[in-house]
Amino acid sequence: MNIVYAMGQGGAGAPGGSGGFASFIPLILMFVIFYFLLIRPQQKKTKEHRQMIDSLKTGDRIITSGGLHGRITGISDNALTVEIAEKVRVKVNRGSVTALAQTTPPPAVTKKDKKNKSDNGKA
C-alpha cells in the first residue's frame, strides 16, 4: 500500500527554518502600519492635550467636553472654577477641558453688513 504525504517535513520549499520567520513578516508589517496610522497620532494628540491642560491659567476662555464655554476664575490641583455667566460659577475637572476658546470675540455683524452681503449675492 502506497501512502503519499502532501505536506512532508523539510520539503524543497522550506530549507532550514526560514519558513517560520517569513510567516511573521505580514504580521510585523501590519503592526508597523497600525503604529504609524493609529497609535502614533493618538499619542501625539494626547501629549498636546496634556500640555494644554497643564498650561491653563486664570482668565483663559475654555470649552469643556460637555459643551460649556466659560472663563477660568480659579485653579486647584484637580479642578477649575469656571464662570459661565455673570456671577454663575461651576467647578469642572481639569480633564474635561477640551479646548481653549478664542480670546477675542469675532467682530459683530451689523444690519448694514448683512444687507451688503445679501445685495452682493443677488448680482
PDB file of N, CA and C in Angstrom:
ATOM      1  N   MET A   1       0.845  -1.168   0.000  1.00  0.00           N
ATOM      2  CA  MET A   1       0.000   0.000   0.000  1.00  0.00           C
ATOM      3  C   MET A   1       0.894   1.237   0.000  1.00  0.00           C
ATOM      4  N   ASN A   2       0.667   2.130  -0.962  1.00  0.00           N
ATOM      5  CA  ASN A   2       1.477   3.343  -1.089  1.00  0.00           C
ATOM      6  C   ASN A   2       0.725   4.523  -0.480  1.00  0.00           C
ATOM      7  N   ILE A   3       1.359   5.218   0.461  1.00  0.00           N
ATOM      8  CA  ILE A   3       0.774   6.406   1.105  1.00  0.00           C
ATOM      9  C   ILE A   3       1.608   7.611   0.691  1.00  0.00           C
ATOM     10  N   VAL A   4       0.951   8.589   0.186  1.00  0.00           N
ATOM     11  CA  VAL A   4       1.637   9.796  -0.248  1.00  0.00           C
ATOM     12  C   VAL A   4       1.257  10.926   0.721  1.00  0.00           C
ATOM     13  N   TYR A   5       2.266  11.584   1.267  1.00  0.00           N
ATOM     14  CA  TYR A   5       2.040  12.703   2.187  1.00  0.00           C
ATOM     15  C   TYR A   5       2.195  14.008   1.411  1.00  0.00           C
ATOM     16  N   ALA A   6       1.168  14.840   1.437  1.00  0.00           N
ATOM     17  CA  ALA A   6       1.205  16.103   0.702  1.00  0.00           C
ATOM     18  C   ALA A   6       2.114  17.114   1.387  1.00  0.00           C
ATOM     19  N   MET A   7       2.152  17.113   2.692  1.00  0.00           N
ATOM     20  CA  MET A   7       2.983  18.056   3.439  1.00  0.00           C
ATOM     21  C   MET A   7       4.010  17.269   4.225  1.00  0.00           C
ATOM     22  N   GLY A   8       5.115  17.054   3.638  1.00  0.00           N
ATOM     23  CA  GLY A   8       6.163  16.327   4.319  1.00  0.00           C
ATOM     24  C   GLY A   8       7.029  17.251   5.126  1.00  0.00           C
ATOM     25  N   GLN A   9       7.909  16.719   5.925  1.00  0.00           N
ATOM     26  CA  GLN A   9       8.814  17.518   6.744  1.00  0.00           C
ATOM     27  C   GLN A   9      10.027  17.913   5.927  1.00  0.00           C
ATOM     28  N   GLY A  10      10.385  19.222   5.964  1.00  0.00           N
ATOM     29  CA  GLY A  10      11.599  19.697   5.315  1.00  0.00           C
ATOM     30  C   GLY A  10      11.607  19.484   3.824  1.00  0.00           C
ATOM     31  N   GLY A  11      10.505  19.783   3.164  1.00  0.00           N
ATOM     32  CA  GLY A  11      10.435  19.633   1.723  1.00  0.00           C
ATOM     33  C   GLY A  11      11.322  20.640   1.019  1.00  0.00           C
ATOM     34  N   ALA A  12      11.267  20.672  -0.283  1.00  0.00           N
ATOM     35  CA  ALA A  12      12.141  21.530  -1.073  1.00  0.00           C
ATOM     36  C   ALA A  12      11.810  23.014  -0.869  1.00  0.00           C
ATOM     37  N   GLY A  13      10.576  23.328  -0.509  1.00  0.00           N
ATOM     38  CA  GLY A  13      10.164  24.717  -0.355  1.00  0.00           C
ATOM     39  C   GLY A  13      10.625  25.357   0.933  1.00  0.00           C
ATOM     40  N   ALA A  14      11.043  24.610   1.933  1.00  0.00           N
ATOM     41  CA  ALA A  14      11.400  25.185   3.222  1.00  0.00           C
ATOM     42  C   ALA A  14      12.731  24.642   3.712  1.00  0.00           C
ATOM     43  N   PRO A  15      13.838  25.102   3.144  1.00  0.00           N
ATOM     44  CA  PRO A  15      15.129  24.641   3.648  1.00  0.00           C
ATOM     45  C   PRO A  15      15.463  25.310   4.971  1.00  0.00           C
ATOM     46  N   GLY A  16      15.985  24.624   5.895  1.00  0.00           N
ATOM     47  CA  GLY A  16      16.338  25.159   7.210  1.00  0.00           C
ATOM     48  C   GLY A  16      15.095  25.511   7.998  1.00  0.00           C
ATOM     49  N   GLY A  17      15.031  26.739   8.559  1.00  0.00           N
ATOM     50  CA  GLY A  17      13.882  27.155   9.347  1.00  0.00           C
ATOM     51  C   GLY A  17      13.382  28.513   8.920  1.00  0.00           C
ATOM     52  N   SER A  18      13.697  28.971   7.711  1.00  0.00           N
ATOM     53  CA  SER A  18      13.313  30.310   7.263  1.00  0.00           C
ATOM     54  C   SER A  18      11.812  30.431   7.016  1.00  0.00           C
ATOM     55  N   GLY A  19      11.097  29.351   6.871  1.00  0.00           N
ATOM     56  CA  GLY A  19       9.658  29.404   6.648  1.00  0.00           C
ATOM     57  C   GLY A  19       8.926  29.981   7.844  1.00  0.00           C
ATOM     58  N   GLY A  20       9.430  29.780   9.054  1.00  0.00           N
ATOM     59  CA  GLY A  20       8.790  30.317  10.248  1.00  0.00           C
ATOM     60  C   GLY A  20       8.873  31.824  10.326  1.00  0.00           C
ATOM     61  N   PHE A  21      10.036  32.396  10.010  1.00  0.00           N
ATOM     62  CA  PHE A  21      10.203  33.850  10.064  1.00  0.00           C
ATOM     63  C   PHE A  21       9.421  34.526   8.942  1.00  0.00           C
ATOM     64  N   ALA A  22       9.391  33.925   7.783  1.00  0.00           N
ATOM     65  CA  ALA A  22       8.690  34.517   6.640  1.00  0.00           C
ATOM     66  C   ALA A  22       7.189  34.632   6.910  1.00  0.00           C
ATOM     67  N   SER A  23       6.656  33.770   7.731  1.00  0.00           N
ATOM     68  CA  SER A  23       5.226  33.855   8.025  1.00  0.00           C
ATOM     69  C   SER A  23       4.906  35.004   8.984  1.00  0.00           C
ATOM     70  N   PHE A  24       5.905  35.527   9.688  1.00  0.00           N
ATOM     71  CA  PHE A  24       5.681  36.654  10.607  1.00  0.00           C
ATOM     72  C   PHE A  24       5.831  38.018   9.927  1.00  0.00           C
ATOM     73  N   ILE A  25       6.394  38.053   8.740  1.00  0.00           N
ATOM     74  CA  ILE A  25       6.611  39.331   8.054  1.00  0.00           C
ATOM     75  C   ILE A  25       5.293  40.084   7.818  1.00  0.00           C
ATOM     76  N   PRO A  26       4.220  39.465   7.330  1.00  0.00           N
ATOM     77  CA  PRO A  26       2.963  40.226   7.173  1.00  0.00           C
ATOM     78  C   PRO A  26       2.422  40.751   8.503  1.00  0.00           C
ATOM     79  N   LEU A  27       2.578  39.986   9.563  1.00  0.00           N
ATOM     80  CA  LEU A  27       2.121  40.435  10.880  1.00  0.00           C
ATOM     81  C   LEU A  27       2.925  41.644  11.344  1.00  0.00           C
ATOM     82  N   ILE A  28       4.221  41.621  11.128  1.00  0.00           N
ATOM     83  CA  ILE A  28       5.077  42.753  11.508  1.00  0.00           C
ATOM     84  C   ILE A  28       4.723  43.981  10.682  1.00  0.00           C
ATOM     85  N   LEU A  29       4.494  43.798   9.391  1.00  0.00           N
ATOM     86  CA  LEU A  29       4.115  44.930   8.535  1.00  0.00           C
ATOM     87  C   LEU A  29       2.777  45.531   8.958  1.00  0.00           C
ATOM     88  N   MET A  30       1.823  44.712   9.339  1.00  0.00           N
ATOM     89  CA  MET A  30       0.538  45.227   9.816  1.00  0.00           C
ATOM     90  C   MET A  30       0.713  46.037  11.091  1.00  0.00           C
ATOM     91  N   PHE A  31       1.563  45.573  12.000  1.00  0.00           N
ATOM     92  CA  PHE A  31       1.801  46.317  13.242  1.00  0.00           C
ATOM     93  C   PHE A  31       2.435  47.673  12.942  1.00  0.00           C
ATOM     94  N   VAL A  32       3.404  47.701  12.021  1.00  0.00           N
ATOM     95  CA  VAL A  32       4.062  48.961  11.668  1.00  0.00           C
ATOM     96  C   VAL A  32       3.051  49.936  11.054  1.00  0.00           C
ATOM     97  N   ILE A  33       2.192  49.445  10.186  1.00  0.00           N
ATOM     98  CA  ILE A  33       1.176  50.308   9.574  1.00  0.00           C
ATOM     99  C   ILE A  33       0.213  50.842  10.630  1.00  0.00           C
ATOM    100  N   PHE A  34      -0.255  49.984  11.532  1.00  0.00           N
ATOM    101  CA  PHE A  34      -1.143  50.435  12.609  1.00  0.00           C
ATOM    102  C   PHE A  34      -0.452  51.464  13.496  1.00  0.00           C
ATOM    103  N   TYR A  35       0.833  51.268  13.761  1.00  0.00           N
ATOM    104  CA  TYR A  35       1.557  52.202  14.613  1.00  0.00           C
ATOM    105  C   TYR A  35       1.564  53.595  13.987  1.00  0.00           C
ATOM    106  N   PHE A  36       1.920  53.680  12.709  1.00  0.00           N
ATOM    107  CA  PHE A  36       2.043  54.996  12.079  1.00  0.00           C
ATOM    108  C   PHE A  36       0.700  55.618  11.719  1.00  0.00           C
ATOM    109  N   LEU A  37      -0.343  54.819  11.522  1.00  0.00           N
ATOM    110  CA  LEU A  37      -1.640  55.387  11.160  1.00  0.00           C
ATOM    111  C   LEU A  37      -2.567  55.620  12.348  1.00  0.00           C
ATOM    112  N   LEU A  38      -2.423  54.841  13.421  1.00  0.00           N
ATOM    113  CA  LEU A  38      -3.357  54.944  14.545  1.00  0.00           C
ATOM    114  C   LEU A  38      -2.690  55.308  15.864  1.00  0.00           C
ATOM    115  N   ILE A  39      -1.705  54.563  16.267  1.00  0.00           N
ATOM    116  CA  ILE A  39      -1.139  54.711  17.611  1.00  0.00           C
ATOM    117  C   ILE A  39      -0.361  56.010  17.752  1.00  0.00           C
ATOM    118  N   ARG A  40       0.551  56.299  16.832  1.00  0.00           N
ATOM    119  CA  ARG A  40       1.407  57.475  16.950  1.00  0.00           C
ATOM    120  C   ARG A  40       0.619  58.785  16.909  1.00  0.00           C
ATOM    121  N   PRO A  41      -0.338  58.969  15.979  1.00  0.00           N
ATOM    122  CA  PRO A  41      -1.108  60.223  16.002  1.00  0.00           C
ATOM    123  C   PRO A  41      -1.922  60.397  17.284  1.00  0.00           C
ATOM    124  N   GLN A  42      -2.455  59.298  17.825  1.00  0.00           N
ATOM    125  CA  GLN A  42      -3.223  59.388  19.067  1.00  0.00           C
ATOM    126  C   GLN A  42      -2.326  59.793  20.231  1.00  0.00           C
ATOM    127  N   GLN A  43      -1.111  59.244  20.296  1.00  0.00           N
ATOM    128  CA  GLN A  43      -0.185  59.620  21.358  1.00  0.00           C
ATOM    129  C   GLN A  43       0.191  61.092  21.246  1.00  0.00           C
ATOM    130  N   LYS A  44       0.390  61.581  20.027  1.00  0.00           N
ATOM    131  CA  LYS A  44       0.749  62.979  19.817  1.00  0.00           C
ATOM    132  C   LYS A  44      -0.392  63.897  20.258  1.00  0.00           C
ATOM    133  N   LYS A  45      -1.624  63.525  19.913  1.00  0.00           N
ATOM    134  CA  LYS A  45      -2.792  64.319  20.304  1.00  0.00           C
ATOM    135  C   LYS A  45      -2.947  64.340  21.822  1.00  0.00           C
ATOM    136  N   THR A  46      -2.741  63.198  22.469  1.00  0.00           N
ATOM    137  CA  THR A  46      -2.834  63.119  23.926  1.00  0.00           C
ATOM    138  C   THR A  46      -1.777  63.987  24.586  1.00  0.00           C
ATOM    139  N   LYS A  47      -0.566  63.984  24.051  1.00  0.00           N
ATOM    140  CA  LYS A  47       0.518  64.800  24.608  1.00  0.00           C
ATOM    141  C   LYS A  47       0.195  66.290  24.489  1.00  0.00           C
ATOM    142  N   GLU A  48      -0.330  66.722  23.332  1.00  0.00           N
ATOM    143  CA  GLU A  48      -0.692  68.121  23.147  1.00  0.00           C
ATOM    144  C   GLU A  48      -1.824  68.530  24.100  1.00  0.00           C
ATOM    145  N   HIS A  49      -2.793  67.637  24.315  1.00  0.00           N
ATOM    146  CA  HIS A  49      -3.909  67.930  25.226  1.00  0.00           C
ATOM    147  C   HIS A  49      -3.397  68.070  26.655  1.00  0.00           C
ATOM    148  N   ARG A  50      -2.494  67.190  27.064  1.00  0.00           N
ATOM    149  CA  ARG A  50      -1.920  67.251  28.415  1.00  0.00           C
ATOM    150  C   ARG A  50      -1.158  68.559  28.610  1.00  0.00           C
ATOM    151  N   GLN A  51      -0.384  68.991  27.591  1.00  0.00           N
ATOM    152  CA  GLN A  51       0.346  70.250  27.692  1.00  0.00           C
ATOM    153  C   GLN A  51      -0.612  71.437  27.785  1.00  0.00           C
ATOM    154  N   MET A  52      -1.720  71.383  27.030  1.00  0.00           N
ATOM    155  CA  MET A  52      -2.700  72.461  27.077  1.00  0.00           C
ATOM    156  C   MET A  52      -3.339  72.543  28.463  1.00  0.00           C
ATOM    157  N   ILE A  53      -3.659  71.409  29.057  1.00  0.00           N
ATOM    158  CA  ILE A  53      -4.269  71.398  30.387  1.00  0.00           C
ATOM    159  C   ILE A  53      -3.277  71.903  31.439  1.00  0.00           C
ATOM    160  N   ASP A  54      -2.015  71.529  31.314  1.00  0.00           N
ATOM    161  CA  ASP A  54      -1.011  71.979  32.277  1.00  0.00           C
ATOM    162  C   ASP A  54      -0.743  73.480  32.175  1.00  0.00           C
ATOM    163  N   SER A  55      -0.979  74.077  31.006  1.00  0.00           N
ATOM    164  CA  SER A  55      -0.675  75.494  30.824  1.00  0.00           C
ATOM    165  C   SER A  55      -1.876  76.404  31.070  1.00  0.00           C
ATOM    166  N   LEU A  56      -3.003  75.857  31.550  1.00  0.00           N
ATOM    167  CA  LEU A  56      -4.173  76.688  31.820  1.00  0.00           C
ATOM    168  C   LEU A  56      -3.875  77.682  32.937  1.00  0.00           C
ATOM    169  N   LYS A  57      -4.413  78.886  32.789  1.00  0.00           N
ATOM    170  CA  LYS A  57      -4.214  79.912  33.815  1.00  0.00           C
ATOM    171  C   LYS A  57      -5.506  80.702  33.980  1.00  0.00           C
ATOM    172  N   THR A  58      -5.590  81.437  35.061  1.00  0.00           N
ATOM    173  CA  THR A  58      -6.771  82.252  35.344  1.00  0.00           C
ATOM    174  C   THR A  58      -6.972  83.264  34.223  1.00  0.00           C
ATOM    175  N   GLY A  59      -8.211  83.378  33.774  1.00  0.00           N
ATOM    176  CA  GLY A  59      -8.546  84.311  32.703  1.00  0.00           C
ATOM    177  C   GLY A  59      -8.681  83.652  31.343  1.00  0.00           C
ATOM    178  N   ASP A  60      -8.195  82.427  31.194  1.00  0.00           N
ATOM    179  CA  ASP A  60      -8.330  81.729  29.910  1.00  0.00           C
ATOM    180  C   ASP A  60      -9.783  81.377  29.655  1.00  0.00           C
ATOM    181  N   ARG A  61     -10.181  81.466  28.399  1.00  0.00           N
ATOM    182  CA  ARG A  61     -11.526  81.055  27.999  1.00  0.00           C
ATOM    183  C   ARG A  61     -11.419  79.624  27.493  1.00  0.00           C
ATOM    184  N   ILE A  62     -12.299  78.742  28.013  1.00  0.00           N
ATOM    185  CA  ILE A  62     -12.211  77.318  27.708  1.00  0.00           C
ATOM    186  C   ILE A  62     -13.542  76.769  27.221  1.00  0.00           C
ATOM    187  N   ILE A  63     -13.461  75.571  26.648  1.00  0.00           N
ATOM    188  CA  ILE A  63     -14.644  74.800  26.267  1.00  0.00           C
ATOM    189  C   ILE A  63     -14.492  73.434  26.912  1.00  0.00           C
ATOM    190  N   THR A  64     -15.523  72.975  27.622  1.00  0.00           N
ATOM    191  CA  THR A  64     -15.459  71.673  28.280  1.00  0.00           C
ATOM    192  C   THR A  64     -16.024  70.592  27.361  1.00  0.00           C
ATOM    193  N   SER A  65     -15.814  69.350  27.753  1.00  0.00           N
ATOM    194  CA  SER A  65     -16.324  68.240  26.953  1.00  0.00           C
ATOM    195  C   SER A  65     -17.846  68.199  26.949  1.00  0.00           C
ATOM    196  N   GLY A  66     -18.473  68.815  27.930  1.00  0.00           N
ATOM    197  CA  GLY A  66     -19.928  68.894  27.971  1.00  0.00           C
ATOM    198  C   GLY A  66     -20.489  70.041  27.150  1.00  0.00           C
ATOM    199  N   GLY A  67     -19.607  70.885  26.613  1.00  0.00           N
ATOM    200  CA  GLY A  67     -20.048  71.982  25.768  1.00  0.00           C
ATOM    201  C   GLY A  67     -20.162  73.315  26.475  1.00  0.00           C
ATOM    202  N   LEU A  68     -19.760  73.383  27.748  1.00  0.00           N
ATOM    203  CA  LEU A  68     -19.813  74.656  28.462  1.00  0.00           C
ATOM    204  C   LEU A  68     -18.670  75.558  28.014  1.00  0.00           C
ATOM    205  N   HIS A  69     -18.993  76.810  27.761  1.00  0.00           N
ATOM    206  CA  HIS A  69     -17.993  77.818  27.435  1.00  0.00           C
ATOM    207  C   HIS A  69     -17.882  78.730  28.644  1.00  0.00           C
ATOM    208  N   GLY A  70     -16.670  79.051  29.035  1.00  0.00           N
ATOM    209  CA  GLY A  70     -16.524  79.928  30.181  1.00  0.00           C
ATOM    210  C   GLY A  70     -15.108  80.432  30.337  1.00  0.00           C
ATOM    211  N   ARG A  71     -14.925  81.213  31.406  1.00  0.00           N
ATOM    212  CA  ARG A  71     -13.628  81.820  31.721  1.00  0.00           C
ATOM    213  C   ARG A  71     -13.162  81.270  33.062  1.00  0.00           C
ATOM    214  N   ILE A  72     -11.902  80.877  33.134  1.00  0.00           N
ATOM    215  CA  ILE A  72     -11.350  80.324  34.370  1.00  0.00           C
ATOM    216  C   ILE A  72     -11.177  81.442  35.386  1.00  0.00           C
ATOM    217  N   THR A  73     -11.752  81.227  36.589  1.00  0.00           N
ATOM    218  CA  THR A  73     -11.598  82.212  37.665  1.00  0.00           C
ATOM    219  C   THR A  73     -10.782  81.665  38.814  1.00  0.00           C
ATOM    220  N   GLY A  74     -10.606  80.354  38.889  1.00  0.00           N
ATOM    221  CA  GLY A  74      -9.813  79.762  39.958  1.00  0.00           C
ATOM    222  C   GLY A  74      -9.258  78.412  39.530  1.00  0.00           C
ATOM    223  N   ILE A  75      -8.085  78.091  40.076  1.00  0.00           N
ATOM    224  CA  ILE A  75      -7.423  76.839  39.710  1.00  0.00           C
ATOM    225  C   ILE A  75      -6.979  76.127  40.981  1.00  0.00           C
ATOM    226  N   SER A  76      -7.286  74.825  41.059  1.00  0.00           N
ATOM    227  CA  SER A  76      -6.739  73.982  42.120  1.00  0.00           C
ATOM    228  C   SER A  76      -6.055  72.792  41.442  1.00  0.00           C
ATOM    229  N   ASP A  77      -5.633  71.812  42.246  1.00  0.00           N
ATOM    230  CA  ASP A  77      -4.886  70.688  41.680  1.00  0.00           C
ATOM    231  C   ASP A  77      -5.679  69.931  40.616  1.00  0.00           C
ATOM    232  N   ASN A  78      -6.892  69.544  40.921  1.00  0.00           N
ATOM    233  CA  ASN A  78      -7.670  68.706  40.009  1.00  0.00           C
ATOM    234  C   ASN A  78      -8.891  69.389  39.418  1.00  0.00           C
ATOM    235  N   ALA A  79      -9.224  70.584  39.899  1.00  0.00           N
ATOM    236  CA  ALA A  79     -10.458  71.227  39.453  1.00  0.00           C
ATOM    237  C   ALA A  79     -10.199  72.671  39.048  1.00  0.00           C
ATOM    238  N   LEU A  80     -11.096  73.162  38.219  1.00  0.00           N
ATOM    239  CA  LEU A  80     -11.068  74.559  37.794  1.00  0.00           C
ATOM    240  C   LEU A  80     -12.408  75.188  38.147  1.00  0.00           C
ATOM    241  N   THR A  81     -12.387  76.431  38.565  1.00  0.00           N
ATOM    242  CA  THR A  81     -13.622  77.175  38.758  1.00  0.00           C
ATOM    243  C   THR A  81     -13.824  78.000  37.505  1.00  0.00           C
ATOM    244  N   VAL A  82     -14.966  77.775  36.853  1.00  0.00           N
ATOM    245  CA  VAL A  82     -15.228  78.410  35.568  1.00  0.00           C
ATOM    246  C   VAL A  82     -16.478  79.269  35.687  1.00  0.00           C
ATOM    247  N   GLU A  83     -16.361  80.511  35.244  1.00  0.00           N
ATOM    248  CA  GLU A  83     -17.512  81.408  35.229  1.00  0.00           C
ATOM    249  C   GLU A  83     -18.176  81.281  33.861  1.00  0.00           C
ATOM    250  N   ILE A  84     -19.408  80.762  33.864  1.00  0.00           N
ATOM    251  CA  ILE A  84     -20.105  80.536  32.599  1.00  0.00           C
ATOM    252  C   ILE A  84     -21.092  81.662  32.279  1.00  0.00           C
ATOM    253  N   ALA A  85     -21.434  82.450  33.265  1.00  0.00           N
ATOM    254  CA  ALA A  85     -22.266  83.638  33.091  1.00  0.00           C
ATOM    255  C   ALA A  85     -21.911  84.574  34.239  1.00  0.00           C
ATOM    256  N   GLU A  86     -22.440  85.786  34.217  1.00  0.00           N
ATOM    257  CA  GLU A  86     -22.122  86.726  35.272  1.00  0.00           C
ATOM    258  C   GLU A  86     -22.611  86.190  36.615  1.00  0.00           C
ATOM    259  N   LYS A  87     -21.718  86.040  37.562  1.00  0.00           N
ATOM    260  CA  LYS A  87     -21.968  85.534  38.918  1.00  0.00           C
ATOM    261  C   LYS A  87     -22.435  84.066  38.942  1.00  0.00           C
ATOM    262  N   VAL A  88     -22.176  83.323  37.869  1.00  0.00           N
ATOM    263  CA  VAL A  88     -22.502  81.894  37.837  1.00  0.00           C
ATOM    264  C   VAL A  88     -21.201  81.145  37.629  1.00  0.00           C
ATOM    265  N   ARG A  89     -20.782  80.436  38.676  1.00  0.00           N
ATOM    266  CA  ARG A  89     -19.510  79.715  38.619  1.00  0.00           C
ATOM    267  C   ARG A  89     -19.739  78.244  38.893  1.00  0.00           C
ATOM    268  N   VAL A  90     -19.028  77.411  38.146  1.00  0.00           N
ATOM    269  CA  VAL A  90     -19.100  75.966  38.327  1.00  0.00           C
ATOM    270  C   VAL A  90     -17.682  75.424  38.440  1.00  0.00           C
ATOM    271  N   LYS A  91     -17.573  74.287  39.119  1.00  0.00           N
ATOM    272  CA  LYS A  91     -16.280  73.609  39.207  1.00  0.00           C
ATOM    273  C   LYS A  91     -16.275  72.472  38.209  1.00  0.00           C
ATOM    274  N   VAL A  92     -15.226  72.379  37.442  1.00  0.00           N
ATOM    275  CA  VAL A  92     -15.083  71.299  36.470  1.00  0.00           C
ATOM    276  C   VAL A  92     -13.732  70.632  36.669  1.00  0.00           C
ATOM    277  N   ASN A  93     -13.681  69.371  36.330  1.00  0.00           N
ATOM    278  CA  ASN A  93     -12.438  68.621  36.390  1.00  0.00           C
ATOM    279  C   ASN A  93     -11.504  69.112  35.291  1.00  0.00           C
ATOM    280  N   ARG A  94     -10.204  69.156  35.565  1.00  0.00           N
ATOM    281  CA  ARG A  94      -9.244  69.616  34.559  1.00  0.00           C
ATOM    282  C   ARG A  94      -9.318  68.781  33.284  1.00  0.00           C
ATOM    283  N   GLY A  95      -9.554  67.487  33.443  1.00  0.00           N
ATOM    284  CA  GLY A  95      -9.583  66.593  32.289  1.00  0.00           C
ATOM    285  C   GLY A  95     -10.760  66.816  31.364  1.00  0.00           C
ATOM    286  N   SER A  96     -11.777  67.524  31.837  1.00  0.00           N
ATOM    287  CA  SER A  96     -12.949  67.744  30.989  1.00  0.00           C
ATOM    288  C   SER A  96     -12.780  68.943  30.065  1.00  0.00           C
ATOM    289  N   VAL A  97     -11.677  69.653  30.164  1.00  0.00           N
ATOM    290  CA  VAL A  97     -11.419  70.773  29.262  1.00  0.00           C
ATOM    291  C   VAL A  97     -10.952  70.196  27.931  1.00  0.00           C
ATOM    292  N   THR A  98     -11.654  70.543  26.863  1.00  0.00           N
ATOM    293  CA  THR A  98     -11.283  70.011  25.557  1.00  0.00           C
ATOM    294  C   THR A  98     -10.486  71.001  24.714  1.00  0.00           C
ATOM    295  N   ALA A  99     -10.727  72.293  24.900  1.00  0.00           N
ATOM    296  CA  ALA A  99     -10.028  73.266  24.056  1.00  0.00           C
ATOM    297  C   ALA A  99     -10.048  74.640  24.700  1.00  0.00           C
ATOM    298  N   LEU A 100      -9.139  75.459  24.237  1.00  0.00           N
ATOM    299  CA  LEU A 100      -9.155  76.875  24.588  1.00  0.00           C
ATOM    300  C   LEU A 100     -10.033  77.583  23.569  1.00  0.00           C
ATOM    301  N   ALA A 101     -10.898  78.461  24.040  1.00  0.00           N
ATOM    302  CA  ALA A 101     -11.767  79.224  23.142  1.00  0.00           C
ATOM    303  C   ALA A 101     -10.998  80.433  22.637  1.00  0.00           C
ATOM    304  N   GLN A 102     -11.543  81.093  21.626  1.00  0.00           N
ATOM    305  CA  GLN A 102     -10.914  82.304  21.114  1.00  0.00           C
ATOM    306  C   GLN A 102     -10.876  83.350  22.205  1.00  0.00           C
ATOM    307  N   THR A 103      -9.741  84.023  22.340  1.00  0.00           N
ATOM    308  CA  THR A 103      -9.629  85.047  23.375  1.00  0.00           C
ATOM    309  C   THR A 103     -10.316  86.332  22.948  1.00  0.00           C
ATOM    310  N   THR A 104     -10.350  86.618  21.663  1.00  0.00           N
ATOM    311  CA  THR A 104     -11.038  87.817  21.187  1.00  0.00           C
ATOM    312  C   THR A 104     -12.272  87.377  20.421  1.00  0.00           C
ATOM    313  N   PRO A 105     -13.428  87.904  20.763  1.00  0.00           N
ATOM    314  CA  PRO A 105     -14.640  87.513  20.045  1.00  0.00           C
ATOM    315  C   PRO A 105     -14.602  88.036  18.611  1.00  0.00           C
ATOM    316  N   PRO A 106     -15.243  87.341  17.683  1.00  0.00           N
ATOM    317  CA  PRO A 106     -15.277  87.826  16.299  1.00  0.00           C
ATOM    318  C   PRO A 106     -16.054  89.136  16.219  1.00  0.00           C
ATOM    319  N   PRO A 107     -15.755  89.981  15.245  1.00  0.00           N
ATOM    320  CA  PRO A 107     -16.457  91.275  15.151  1.00  0.00           C
ATOM    321  C   PRO A 107     -17.945  91.062  14.919  1.00  0.00           C
ATOM    322  N   ALA A 108     -18.728  91.917  15.554  1.00  0.00           N
ATOM    323  CA  ALA A 108     -20.183  91.819  15.436  1.00  0.00           C
ATOM    324  C   ALA A 108     -20.617  92.249  14.040  1.00  0.00           C
ATOM    325  N   VAL A 109     -21.597  91.543  13.509  1.00  0.00           N
ATOM    326  CA  VAL A 109     -22.120  91.867  12.179  1.00  0.00           C
ATOM    327  C   VAL A 109     -23.291  92.818  12.364  1.00  0.00           C
ATOM    328  N   THR A 110     -23.227  93.961  11.712  1.00  0.00           N
ATOM    329  CA  THR A 110     -24.300  94.952  11.813  1.00  0.00           C
ATOM    330  C   THR A 110     -25.340  94.698  10.725  1.00  0.00           C
ATOM    331  N   LYS A 111     -26.463  95.388  10.849  1.00  0.00           N
ATOM    332  CA  LYS A 111     -27.531  95.240   9.856  1.00  0.00           C
ATOM    333  C   LYS A 111     -27.062  95.707   8.483  1.00  0.00           C
ATOM    334  N   LYS A 112     -26.235  96.740   8.484  1.00  0.00           N
ATOM    335  CA  LYS A 112     -25.719  97.275   7.228  1.00  0.00           C
ATOM    336  C   LYS A 112     -24.843  96.228   6.528  1.00  0.00           C
ATOM    337  N   ASP A 113     -23.983  95.509   7.293  1.00  0.00           N
ATOM    338  CA  ASP A 113     -23.133  94.461   6.727  1.00  0.00           C
ATOM    339  C   ASP A 113     -23.976  93.320   6.170  1.00  0.00           C
ATOM    340  N   LYS A 114     -25.025  92.941   6.894  1.00  0.00           N
ATOM    341  CA  LYS A 114     -25.905  91.862   6.426  1.00  0.00           C
ATOM    342  C   LYS A 114     -26.575  92.257   5.114  1.00  0.00           C
ATOM    343  N   LYS A 115     -27.011  93.532   5.025  1.00  0.00           N
ATOM    344  CA  LYS A 115     -27.683  94.000   3.817  1.00  0.00           C
ATOM    345  C   LYS A 115     -26.725  93.998   2.632  1.00  0.00           C
ATOM    346  N   ASN A 116     -25.473  94.432   2.844  1.00  0.00           N
ATOM    347  CA  ASN A 116     -24.474  94.444   1.775  1.00  0.00           C
ATOM    348  C   ASN A 116     -24.180  93.027   1.309  1.00  0.00           C
ATOM    349  N   LYS A 117     -24.098  92.088   2.207  1.00  0.00           N
ATOM    350  CA  LYS A 117     -23.821  90.704   1.837  1.00  0.00           C
ATOM    351  C   LYS A 117     -24.960  90.129   1.016  1.00  0.00           C
ATOM    352  N   SER A 118     -26.202  90.439   1.399  1.00  0.00           N
ATOM    353  CA  SER A 118     -27.356  89.903   0.652  1.00  0.00           C
ATOM    354  C   SER A 118     -27.449  90.562  -0.718  1.00  0.00           C
ATOM    355  N   ASP A 119     -27.070  91.840  -0.833  1.00  0.00           N
ATOM    356  CA  ASP A 119     -27.078  92.517  -2.129  1.00  0.00           C
ATOM    357  C   ASP A 119     -26.036  91.934  -3.051  1.00  0.00           C
ATOM    358  N   ASN A 120     -24.857  91.595  -2.510  1.00  0.00           N
ATOM    359  CA  ASN A 120     -23.786  91.029  -3.306  1.00  0.00           C
ATOM    360  C   ASN A 120     -24.173  89.663  -3.854  1.00  0.00           C
ATOM    361  N   GLY A 121     -24.951  88.915  -3.127  1.00  0.00           N
ATOM    362  CA  GLY A 121     -25.348  87.579  -3.543  1.00  0.00           C
ATOM    363  C   GLY A 121     -26.359  87.606  -4.665  1.00  0.00           C
ATOM    364  N   LYS A 122     -27.111  88.723  -4.840  1.00  0.00           N
ATOM    365  CA  LYS A 122     -28.160  88.820  -5.854  1.00  0.00           C
ATOM    366  C   LYS A 122     -27.612  89.179  -7.219  1.00  0.00           C
ATOM    367  N   ALA A 123     -26.411  89.698  -7.282  1.00  0.00           N
ATOM    368  CA  ALA A 123     -25.824  90.176  -8.552  1.00  0.00           C
ATOM    369  C   ALA A 123     -25.670  89.042  -9.483  1.00  0.00           C
TER     370      ALA A 123
END
